[in-house]
Amino acid sequence: MITKGQRVKFKPEWSDPGDESKTFVAVDDESKGRVTVVCLLGLAINPTQVVRVDMIQQEGSDNAT
């Protein structure tokens, strides 16, 4: 279960080049198999996206959440 404030990373099959050096954080709690994540880039408005939870995992974890 992904919860608000957790750091997450995209699984290799869903990541883009350079994603390993970016910080992604859950904006809300997982709901209906989806969660909103923000990429912390230090901008006034950072990019956010809603993704399926099977596309991400907790940072520092090799297991899906």
Protein backbone atom coordinates (compact mmCIF):
# COMPACT_ATOMS: atom_id res chain seq x y z
CA MET A 1 0.00 0.00 0.00
CA ILE A 2 1.44 3.35 -1.06
CA THR A 3 0.65 6.19 1.34
CA LYS A 4 0.96 9.96 1.13
CA GLY A 5 4.53 11.17 1.57
CA GLN A 6 6.22 7.88 0.63
CA ARG A 7 9.15 8.04 -1.76
CA VAL A 8 8.62 5.79 -4.74
CA LYS A 9 10.47 4.85 -7.89
CA PHE A 10 9.28 3.56 -11.22
CA LYS A 11 9.98 -0.05 -12.04
CA PRO A 12 12.60 -0.44 -14.80
CA GLU A 13 10.04 -1.31 -17.48
CA TRP A 14 8.15 1.96 -16.76
CA SER A 15 11.05 4.35 -16.12
CA ASP A 16 12.58 6.89 -18.47
CA PRO A 17 16.31 7.57 -18.78
CA GLY A 18 17.38 9.76 -15.86
CA ASP A 19 14.51 8.77 -13.57
CA GLU A 20 16.96 7.05 -11.21
CA SER A 21 18.35 10.47 -10.24
CA LYS A 22 14.93 12.07 -9.61
CA THR A 23 12.85 11.98 -6.45
CA PHE A 24 9.22 10.88 -6.78
CA VAL A 25 6.82 11.22 -3.83
CA ALA A 26 3.23 10.04 -3.40
CA VAL A 27 0.88 13.02 -3.12
CA ASP A 28 -2.05 10.99 -1.79
CA ASP A 29 -2.85 7.50 -0.53
CA GLU A 30 -3.30 4.68 -3.00
CA SER A 31 -6.91 4.37 -4.13
CA LYS A 32 -8.45 1.89 -6.56
CA GLY A 33 -5.01 0.72 -7.69
CA ARG A 34 -3.76 4.21 -8.56
CA VAL A 35 -1.76 6.95 -6.84
CA THR A 36 -0.71 10.49 -7.70
CA VAL A 37 3.05 11.07 -7.67
CA VAL A 38 5.05 14.28 -7.92
CA CYS A 39 8.57 14.60 -9.29
CA LEU A 40 10.48 16.99 -7.02
CA LEU A 41 12.48 19.20 -9.37
CA GLY A 42 12.49 22.41 -7.35
CA LEU A 43 10.11 24.20 -9.70
CA ALA A 44 7.26 26.48 -8.68
CA ILE A 45 4.89 23.78 -9.95
CA ASN A 46 6.41 20.31 -10.09
CA PRO A 47 5.09 17.73 -12.57
CA THR A 48 2.53 15.29 -11.19
CA GLN A 49 0.97 12.21 -12.68
CA VAL A 50 -1.51 9.53 -11.71
CA VAL A 51 -0.02 6.06 -12.14
CA ARG A 52 -1.05 2.49 -11.50
CA VAL A 53 0.56 1.07 -8.38
CA ASP A 54 1.94 -1.88 -10.35
CA MET A 55 4.19 0.63 -12.18
CA ILE A 56 6.01 1.78 -9.04
CA GLN A 57 7.59 0.47 -5.86
CA GLN A 58 8.73 1.99 -2.60
CA GLU A 59 12.14 3.57 -2.92
CA GLY A 60 14.80 1.21 -1.61
CA SER A 61 12.58 -1.81 -2.21
CA ASP A 62 12.95 -4.49 -4.86
CA ASN A 63 9.41 -5.73 -4.25
CA ALA A 64 6.24 -4.31 -5.74
CA THR A 65 3.84 -2.61 -3.37
